[in-house]
Amino acid sequence: MSLSDCPKCWDTPCECGWEYRNYSIEGLRKRSDLLNNIISFKALFPDAKFSAWSSHPETEDDKKLMEFLRAWETNKL
C-alpha cells in the first residue's frame, strides 16, 4: 500500500481495489486472512475499546487484538 491516497478512490487505504491490482494471489489471501481474523476478534469482543489514532496511547483492547493476531500468525503454520 502506498503512503499516499489511491489515485482512483482517493482513500487511504484504498477501498476501490485499484491499489491491490499488482498484489500476488498469495499476498491478497494473506490480507484477506488478516481482515477475517480482525472480524473474528471484533465478533468475540463487540464492546472492545480501541485508541482513535496510532499516536494515542494503546488501550487494553488494542493490546488484546495484537496478541490475538500474533497468536493467529504463529499458529497458522
PDB file of N, CA and C in Angstrom:
ATOM      1  N   MET A   1       0.847  -1.174   0.000  1.00  0.00           N
ATOM      2  CA  MET A   1       0.000   0.000   0.000  1.00  0.00           C
ATOM      3  C   MET A   1       0.890   1.233   0.000  1.00  0.00           C
ATOM      4  N   SER A   2       0.523   2.198  -0.760  1.00  0.00           N
ATOM      5  CA  SER A   2       1.324   3.406  -0.871  1.00  0.00           C
ATOM      6  C   SER A   2       1.103   4.312   0.337  1.00  0.00           C
ATOM      7  N   LEU A   3       1.982   5.290   0.461  1.00  0.00           N
ATOM      8  CA  LEU A   3       1.861   6.254   1.553  1.00  0.00           C
ATOM      9  C   LEU A   3       0.893   7.377   1.208  1.00  0.00           C
ATOM     10  N   SER A   4       0.440   7.425  -0.019  1.00  0.00           N
ATOM     11  CA  SER A   4      -0.484   8.481  -0.427  1.00  0.00           C
ATOM     12  C   SER A   4      -1.840   7.888  -0.769  1.00  0.00           C
ATOM     13  N   ASP A   5      -2.779   8.767  -1.046  1.00  0.00           N
ATOM     14  CA  ASP A   5      -4.129   8.333  -1.398  1.00  0.00           C
ATOM     15  C   ASP A   5      -4.133   7.548  -2.708  1.00  0.00           C
ATOM     16  N   CYS A   6      -5.090   6.649  -2.823  1.00  0.00           N
ATOM     17  CA  CYS A   6      -5.286   5.900  -4.065  1.00  0.00           C
ATOM     18  C   CYS A   6      -5.673   6.898  -5.154  1.00  0.00           C
ATOM     19  N   PRO A   7      -5.082   6.784  -6.341  1.00  0.00           N
ATOM     20  CA  PRO A   7      -5.415   7.730  -7.410  1.00  0.00           C
ATOM     21  C   PRO A   7      -6.810   7.536  -7.997  1.00  0.00           C
ATOM     22  N   LYS A   8      -7.476   6.430  -7.659  1.00  0.00           N
ATOM     23  CA  LYS A   8      -8.815   6.170  -8.208  1.00  0.00           C
ATOM     24  C   LYS A   8      -9.928   6.553  -7.226  1.00  0.00           C
ATOM     25  N   CYS A   9      -9.788   6.140  -5.952  1.00  0.00           N
ATOM     26  CA  CYS A   9     -10.858   6.441  -4.986  1.00  0.00           C
ATOM     27  C   CYS A   9     -10.437   7.511  -3.978  1.00  0.00           C
ATOM     28  N   TRP A  10      -9.167   7.846  -3.937  1.00  0.00           N
ATOM     29  CA  TRP A  10      -8.595   8.861  -3.057  1.00  0.00           C
ATOM     30  C   TRP A  10      -8.676   8.492  -1.578  1.00  0.00           C
ATOM     31  N   ASP A  11      -8.882   7.213  -1.287  1.00  0.00           N
ATOM     32  CA  ASP A  11      -8.908   6.757   0.101  1.00  0.00           C
ATOM     33  C   ASP A  11      -7.564   6.154   0.482  1.00  0.00           C
ATOM     34  N   THR A  12      -7.241   6.266   1.754  1.00  0.00           N
ATOM     35  CA  THR A  12      -6.052   5.625   2.306  1.00  0.00           C
ATOM     36  C   THR A  12      -6.478   4.894   3.562  1.00  0.00           C
ATOM     37  N   PRO A  13      -6.447   3.560   3.568  1.00  0.00           N
ATOM     38  CA  PRO A  13      -6.041   2.706   2.461  1.00  0.00           C
ATOM     39  C   PRO A  13      -7.114   2.662   1.383  1.00  0.00           C
ATOM     40  N   CYS A  14      -6.712   2.212   0.228  1.00  0.00           N
ATOM     41  CA  CYS A  14      -7.603   2.109  -0.933  1.00  0.00           C
ATOM     42  C   CYS A  14      -8.821   1.254  -0.596  1.00  0.00           C
ATOM     43  N   GLU A  15      -9.989   1.725  -1.010  1.00  0.00           N
ATOM     44  CA  GLU A  15     -11.227   0.967  -0.801  1.00  0.00           C
ATOM     45  C   GLU A  15     -11.857   0.501  -2.112  1.00  0.00           C
ATOM     46  N   CYS A  16     -11.301   0.932  -3.243  1.00  0.00           N
ATOM     47  CA  CYS A  16     -11.890   0.536  -4.523  1.00  0.00           C
ATOM     48  C   CYS A  16     -11.210  -0.689  -5.130  1.00  0.00           C
ATOM     49  N   GLY A  17     -10.031  -1.047  -4.629  1.00  0.00           N
ATOM     50  CA  GLY A  17      -9.318  -2.215  -5.116  1.00  0.00           C
ATOM     51  C   GLY A  17      -8.153  -1.919  -6.044  1.00  0.00           C
ATOM     52  N   TRP A  18      -8.084  -0.735  -6.588  1.00  0.00           N
ATOM     53  CA  TRP A  18      -7.050  -0.381  -7.550  1.00  0.00           C
ATOM     54  C   TRP A  18      -5.640  -0.626  -7.020  1.00  0.00           C
ATOM     55  N   GLU A  19      -5.370  -0.229  -5.805  1.00  0.00           N
ATOM     56  CA  GLU A  19      -4.027  -0.354  -5.234  1.00  0.00           C
ATOM     57  C   GLU A  19      -3.599  -1.808  -5.037  1.00  0.00           C
ATOM     58  N   TYR A  20      -4.529  -2.736  -5.131  1.00  0.00           N
ATOM     59  CA  TYR A  20      -4.216  -4.150  -4.912  1.00  0.00           C
ATOM     60  C   TYR A  20      -4.005  -4.911  -6.222  1.00  0.00           C
ATOM     61  N   ARG A  21      -4.109  -4.258  -7.344  1.00  0.00           N
ATOM     62  CA  ARG A  21      -4.084  -4.934  -8.634  1.00  0.00           C
ATOM     63  C   ARG A  21      -2.782  -5.673  -8.914  1.00  0.00           C
ATOM     64  N   ASN A  22      -1.682  -5.233  -8.336  1.00  0.00           N
ATOM     65  CA  ASN A  22      -0.397  -5.886  -8.576  1.00  0.00           C
ATOM     66  C   ASN A  22       0.009  -6.842  -7.458  1.00  0.00           C
ATOM     67  N   TYR A  23      -0.844  -7.020  -6.463  1.00  0.00           N
ATOM     68  CA  TYR A  23      -0.535  -7.975  -5.396  1.00  0.00           C
ATOM     69  C   TYR A  23      -0.625  -9.387  -5.961  1.00  0.00           C
ATOM     70  N   SER A  24       0.192 -10.265  -5.440  1.00  0.00           N
ATOM     71  CA  SER A  24       0.085 -11.673  -5.821  1.00  0.00           C
ATOM     72  C   SER A  24      -1.170 -12.266  -5.178  1.00  0.00           C
ATOM     73  N   ILE A  25      -1.605 -13.394  -5.690  1.00  0.00           N
ATOM     74  CA  ILE A  25      -2.757 -14.076  -5.083  1.00  0.00           C
ATOM     75  C   ILE A  25      -2.439 -14.414  -3.629  1.00  0.00           C
ATOM     76  N   GLU A  26      -1.209 -14.862  -3.381  1.00  0.00           N
ATOM     77  CA  GLU A  26      -0.807 -15.181  -2.004  1.00  0.00           C
ATOM     78  C   GLU A  26      -0.874 -13.938  -1.115  1.00  0.00           C
ATOM     79  N   GLY A  27      -0.399 -12.818  -1.622  1.00  0.00           N
ATOM     80  CA  GLY A  27      -0.449 -11.575  -0.857  1.00  0.00           C
ATOM     81  C   GLY A  27      -1.874 -11.139  -0.556  1.00  0.00           C
ATOM     82  N   LEU A  28      -2.752 -11.287  -1.526  1.00  0.00           N
ATOM     83  CA  LEU A  28      -4.162 -10.949  -1.329  1.00  0.00           C
ATOM     84  C   LEU A  28      -4.812 -11.878  -0.311  1.00  0.00           C
ATOM     85  N   ARG A  29      -4.478 -13.153  -0.369  1.00  0.00           N
ATOM     86  CA  ARG A  29      -5.040 -14.105   0.603  1.00  0.00           C
ATOM     87  C   ARG A  29      -4.570 -13.788   2.011  1.00  0.00           C
ATOM     88  N   LYS A  30      -3.309 -13.397   2.172  1.00  0.00           N
ATOM     89  CA  LYS A  30      -2.796 -13.031   3.498  1.00  0.00           C
ATOM     90  C   LYS A  30      -3.568 -11.842   4.060  1.00  0.00           C
ATOM     91  N   ARG A  31      -3.809 -10.850   3.215  1.00  0.00           N
ATOM     92  CA  ARG A  31      -4.556  -9.678   3.682  1.00  0.00           C
ATOM     93  C   ARG A  31      -6.002 -10.039   3.978  1.00  0.00           C
ATOM     94  N   SER A  32      -6.570 -10.916   3.182  1.00  0.00           N
ATOM     95  CA  SER A  32      -7.932 -11.383   3.419  1.00  0.00           C
ATOM     96  C   SER A  32      -8.006 -12.135   4.745  1.00  0.00           C
ATOM     97  N   ASP A  33      -7.036 -13.023   4.975  1.00  0.00           N
ATOM     98  CA  ASP A  33      -6.991 -13.765   6.238  1.00  0.00           C
ATOM     99  C   ASP A  33      -6.857 -12.812   7.425  1.00  0.00           C
ATOM    100  N   LEU A  34      -6.005 -11.804   7.271  1.00  0.00           N
ATOM    101  CA  LEU A  34      -5.814 -10.832   8.348  1.00  0.00           C
ATOM    102  C   LEU A  34      -7.124 -10.124   8.673  1.00  0.00           C
ATOM    103  N   LEU A  35      -7.807  -9.643   7.646  1.00  0.00           N
ATOM    104  CA  LEU A  35      -9.077  -8.947   7.871  1.00  0.00           C
ATOM    105  C   LEU A  35     -10.122  -9.875   8.476  1.00  0.00           C
ATOM    106  N   ASN A  36     -10.166 -11.121   8.034  1.00  0.00           N
ATOM    107  CA  ASN A  36     -11.109 -12.081   8.614  1.00  0.00           C
ATOM    108  C   ASN A  36     -10.812 -12.337  10.082  1.00  0.00           C
ATOM    109  N   ASN A  37      -9.546 -12.331  10.467  1.00  0.00           N
ATOM    110  CA  ASN A  37      -9.201 -12.520  11.870  1.00  0.00           C
ATOM    111  C   ASN A  37      -9.552 -11.300  12.710  1.00  0.00           C
ATOM    112  N   ILE A  38      -9.429 -10.128  12.153  1.00  0.00           N
ATOM    113  CA  ILE A  38      -9.863  -8.922  12.877  1.00  0.00           C
ATOM    114  C   ILE A  38     -11.376  -8.954  13.058  1.00  0.00           C
ATOM    115  N   ILE A  39     -12.097  -9.389  12.025  1.00  0.00           N
ATOM    116  CA  ILE A  39     -13.559  -9.543  12.141  1.00  0.00           C
ATOM    117  C   ILE A  39     -13.886 -10.541  13.250  1.00  0.00           C
ATOM    118  N   SER A  40     -13.162 -11.654  13.309  1.00  0.00           N
ATOM    119  CA  SER A  40     -13.389 -12.659  14.362  1.00  0.00           C
ATOM    120  C   SER A  40     -13.177 -12.060  15.739  1.00  0.00           C
ATOM    121  N   PHE A  41     -12.100 -11.301  15.900  1.00  0.00           N
ATOM    122  CA  PHE A  41     -11.826 -10.664  17.191  1.00  0.00           C
ATOM    123  C   PHE A  41     -12.961  -9.721  17.575  1.00  0.00           C
ATOM    124  N   LYS A  42     -13.365  -8.889  16.639  1.00  0.00           N
ATOM    125  CA  LYS A  42     -14.421  -7.924  16.936  1.00  0.00           C
ATOM    126  C   LYS A  42     -15.754  -8.603  17.229  1.00  0.00           C
ATOM    127  N   ALA A  43     -16.008  -9.752  16.609  1.00  0.00           N
ATOM    128  CA  ALA A  43     -17.228 -10.509  16.906  1.00  0.00           C
ATOM    129  C   ALA A  43     -17.165 -11.097  18.312  1.00  0.00           C
ATOM    130  N   LEU A  44     -15.982 -11.542  18.716  1.00  0.00           N
ATOM    131  CA  LEU A  44     -15.803 -12.091  20.067  1.00  0.00           C
ATOM    132  C   LEU A  44     -15.857 -11.012  21.142  1.00  0.00           C
ATOM    133  N   PHE A  45     -15.384  -9.821  20.802  1.00  0.00           N
ATOM    134  CA  PHE A  45     -15.302  -8.710  21.751  1.00  0.00           C
ATOM    135  C   PHE A  45     -15.974  -7.468  21.160  1.00  0.00           C
ATOM    136  N   PRO A  46     -17.305  -7.508  21.023  1.00  0.00           N
ATOM    137  CA  PRO A  46     -18.002  -6.399  20.349  1.00  0.00           C
ATOM    138  C   PRO A  46     -17.913  -5.067  21.086  1.00  0.00           C
ATOM    139  N   ASP A  47     -17.598  -5.098  22.373  1.00  0.00           N
ATOM    140  CA  ASP A  47     -17.507  -3.850  23.132  1.00  0.00           C
ATOM    141  C   ASP A  47     -16.071  -3.375  23.303  1.00  0.00           C
ATOM    142  N   ALA A  48     -15.142  -3.926  22.531  1.00  0.00           N
ATOM    143  CA  ALA A  48     -13.731  -3.544  22.636  1.00  0.00           C
ATOM    144  C   ALA A  48     -13.584  -2.048  22.395  1.00  0.00           C
ATOM    145  N   LYS A  49     -12.707  -1.452  23.158  1.00  0.00           N
ATOM    146  CA  LYS A  49     -12.416  -0.014  23.036  1.00  0.00           C
ATOM    147  C   LYS A  49     -11.001   0.139  22.490  1.00  0.00           C
ATOM    148  N   PHE A  50     -10.904   0.712  21.290  1.00  0.00           N
ATOM    149  CA  PHE A  50      -9.616   0.902  20.639  1.00  0.00           C
ATOM    150  C   PHE A  50      -9.231   2.373  20.656  1.00  0.00           C
ATOM    151  N   SER A  51      -7.932   2.630  20.622  1.00  0.00           N
ATOM    152  CA  SER A  51      -7.465   4.007  20.531  1.00  0.00           C
ATOM    153  C   SER A  51      -7.900   4.583  19.183  1.00  0.00           C
ATOM    154  N   ALA A  52      -8.134   5.878  19.143  1.00  0.00           N
ATOM    155  CA  ALA A  52      -8.631   6.508  17.923  1.00  0.00           C
ATOM    156  C   ALA A  52      -7.532   6.681  16.868  1.00  0.00           C
ATOM    157  N   TRP A  53      -6.313   6.898  17.301  1.00  0.00           N
ATOM    158  CA  TRP A  53      -5.200   7.147  16.379  1.00  0.00           C
ATOM    159  C   TRP A  53      -3.984   6.367  16.832  1.00  0.00           C
ATOM    160  N   SER A  54      -3.093   6.073  15.897  1.00  0.00           N
ATOM    161  CA  SER A  54      -1.885   5.327  16.255  1.00  0.00           C
ATOM    162  C   SER A  54      -0.983   6.117  17.190  1.00  0.00           C
ATOM    163  N   SER A  55      -1.135   7.427  17.221  1.00  0.00           N
ATOM    164  CA  SER A  55      -0.321   8.254  18.114  1.00  0.00           C
ATOM    165  C   SER A  55      -0.893   8.320  19.533  1.00  0.00           C
ATOM    166  N   HIS A  56      -2.112   7.830  19.733  1.00  0.00           N
ATOM    167  CA  HIS A  56      -2.722   7.817  21.067  1.00  0.00           C
ATOM    168  C   HIS A  56      -2.218   6.609  21.855  1.00  0.00           C
ATOM    169  N   PRO A  57      -2.268   6.681  23.176  1.00  0.00           N
ATOM    170  CA  PRO A  57      -1.850   5.524  23.972  1.00  0.00           C
ATOM    171  C   PRO A  57      -2.715   4.303  23.657  1.00  0.00           C
ATOM    172  N   GLU A  58      -2.074   3.127  23.663  1.00  0.00           N
ATOM    173  CA  GLU A  58      -2.796   1.890  23.395  1.00  0.00           C
ATOM    174  C   GLU A  58      -3.762   1.574  24.525  1.00  0.00           C
ATOM    175  N   THR A  59      -4.924   1.080  24.166  1.00  0.00           N
ATOM    176  CA  THR A  59      -5.872   0.605  25.173  1.00  0.00           C
ATOM    177  C   THR A  59      -5.570  -0.874  25.452  1.00  0.00           C
ATOM    178  N   GLU A  60      -6.183  -1.411  26.472  1.00  0.00           N
ATOM    179  CA  GLU A  60      -6.027  -2.835  26.760  1.00  0.00           C
ATOM    180  C   GLU A  60      -6.563  -3.667  25.596  1.00  0.00           C
ATOM    181  N   ASP A  61      -7.636  -3.200  24.977  1.00  0.00           N
ATOM    182  CA  ASP A  61      -8.197  -3.930  23.835  1.00  0.00           C
ATOM    183  C   ASP A  61      -7.293  -3.861  22.611  1.00  0.00           C
ATOM    184  N   ASP A  62      -6.583  -2.748  22.416  1.00  0.00           N
ATOM    185  CA  ASP A  62      -5.574  -2.685  21.346  1.00  0.00           C
ATOM    186  C   ASP A  62      -4.547  -3.797  21.553  1.00  0.00           C
ATOM    187  N   LYS A  63      -4.091  -3.922  22.789  1.00  0.00           N
ATOM    188  CA  LYS A  63      -3.080  -4.938  23.112  1.00  0.00           C
ATOM    189  C   LYS A  63      -3.638  -6.356  22.909  1.00  0.00           C
ATOM    190  N   LYS A  64      -4.892  -6.572  23.319  1.00  0.00           N
ATOM    191  CA  LYS A  64      -5.516  -7.894  23.143  1.00  0.00           C
ATOM    192  C   LYS A  64      -5.645  -8.253  21.665  1.00  0.00           C
ATOM    193  N   LEU A  65      -6.005  -7.264  20.848  1.00  0.00           N
ATOM    194  CA  LEU A  65      -6.115  -7.512  19.409  1.00  0.00           C
ATOM    195  C   LEU A  65      -4.769  -7.956  18.849  1.00  0.00           C
ATOM    196  N   MET A  66      -3.707  -7.257  19.213  1.00  0.00           N
ATOM    197  CA  MET A  66      -2.392  -7.617  18.685  1.00  0.00           C
ATOM    198  C   MET A  66      -1.949  -8.985  19.199  1.00  0.00           C
ATOM    199  N   GLU A  67      -2.260  -9.325  20.430  1.00  0.00           N
ATOM    200  CA  GLU A  67      -1.958 -10.672  20.940  1.00  0.00           C
ATOM    201  C   GLU A  67      -2.732 -11.723  20.148  1.00  0.00           C
ATOM    202  N   PHE A  68      -3.987 -11.442  19.872  1.00  0.00           N
ATOM    203  CA  PHE A  68      -4.850 -12.332  19.091  1.00  0.00           C
ATOM    204  C   PHE A  68      -4.257 -12.550  17.697  1.00  0.00           C
ATOM    205  N   LEU A  69      -3.841 -11.466  17.050  1.00  0.00           N
ATOM    206  CA  LEU A  69      -3.292 -11.569  15.705  1.00  0.00           C
ATOM    207  C   LEU A  69      -1.933 -12.261  15.691  1.00  0.00           C
ATOM    208  N   ARG A  70      -1.119 -12.007  16.704  1.00  0.00           N
ATOM    209  CA  ARG A  70       0.183 -12.695  16.787  1.00  0.00           C
ATOM    210  C   ARG A  70      -0.016 -14.189  17.003  1.00  0.00           C
ATOM    211  N   ALA A  71      -0.975 -14.558  17.828  1.00  0.00           N
ATOM    212  CA  ALA A  71      -1.252 -15.964  18.068  1.00  0.00           C
ATOM    213  C   ALA A  71      -1.725 -16.632  16.778  1.00  0.00           C
ATOM    214  N   TRP A  72      -2.571 -15.950  16.020  1.00  0.00           N
ATOM    215  CA  TRP A  72      -3.018 -16.492  14.737  1.00  0.00           C
ATOM    216  C   TRP A  72      -1.835 -16.653  13.795  1.00  0.00           C
ATOM    217  N   GLU A  73      -0.972 -15.656  13.717  1.00  0.00           N
ATOM    218  CA  GLU A  73       0.188 -15.701  12.813  1.00  0.00           C
ATOM    219  C   GLU A  73       1.113 -16.854  13.213  1.00  0.00           C
ATOM    220  N   THR A  74       1.319 -17.055  14.493  1.00  0.00           N
ATOM    221  CA  THR A  74       2.205 -18.117  14.993  1.00  0.00           C
ATOM    222  C   THR A  74       1.623 -19.499  14.739  1.00  0.00           C
ATOM    223  N   ASN A  75       0.313 -19.647  14.905  1.00  0.00           N
ATOM    224  CA  ASN A  75      -0.312 -20.959  14.813  1.00  0.00           C
ATOM    225  C   ASN A  75      -0.761 -21.370  13.417  1.00  0.00           C
ATOM    226  N   LYS A  76      -0.685 -20.477  12.455  1.00  0.00           N
ATOM    227  CA  LYS A  76      -1.198 -20.812  11.127  1.00  0.00           C
ATOM    228  C   LYS A  76      -0.243 -21.668  10.321  1.00  0.00           C
ATOM    229  N   LEU A  77       0.989 -21.846  10.789  1.00  0.00           N
ATOM    230  CA  LEU A  77       1.962 -22.652  10.043  1.00  0.00           C
ATOM    231  C   LEU A  77       1.615 -24.081  10.074  1.00  0.00           C
TER     232      LEU A  77
END
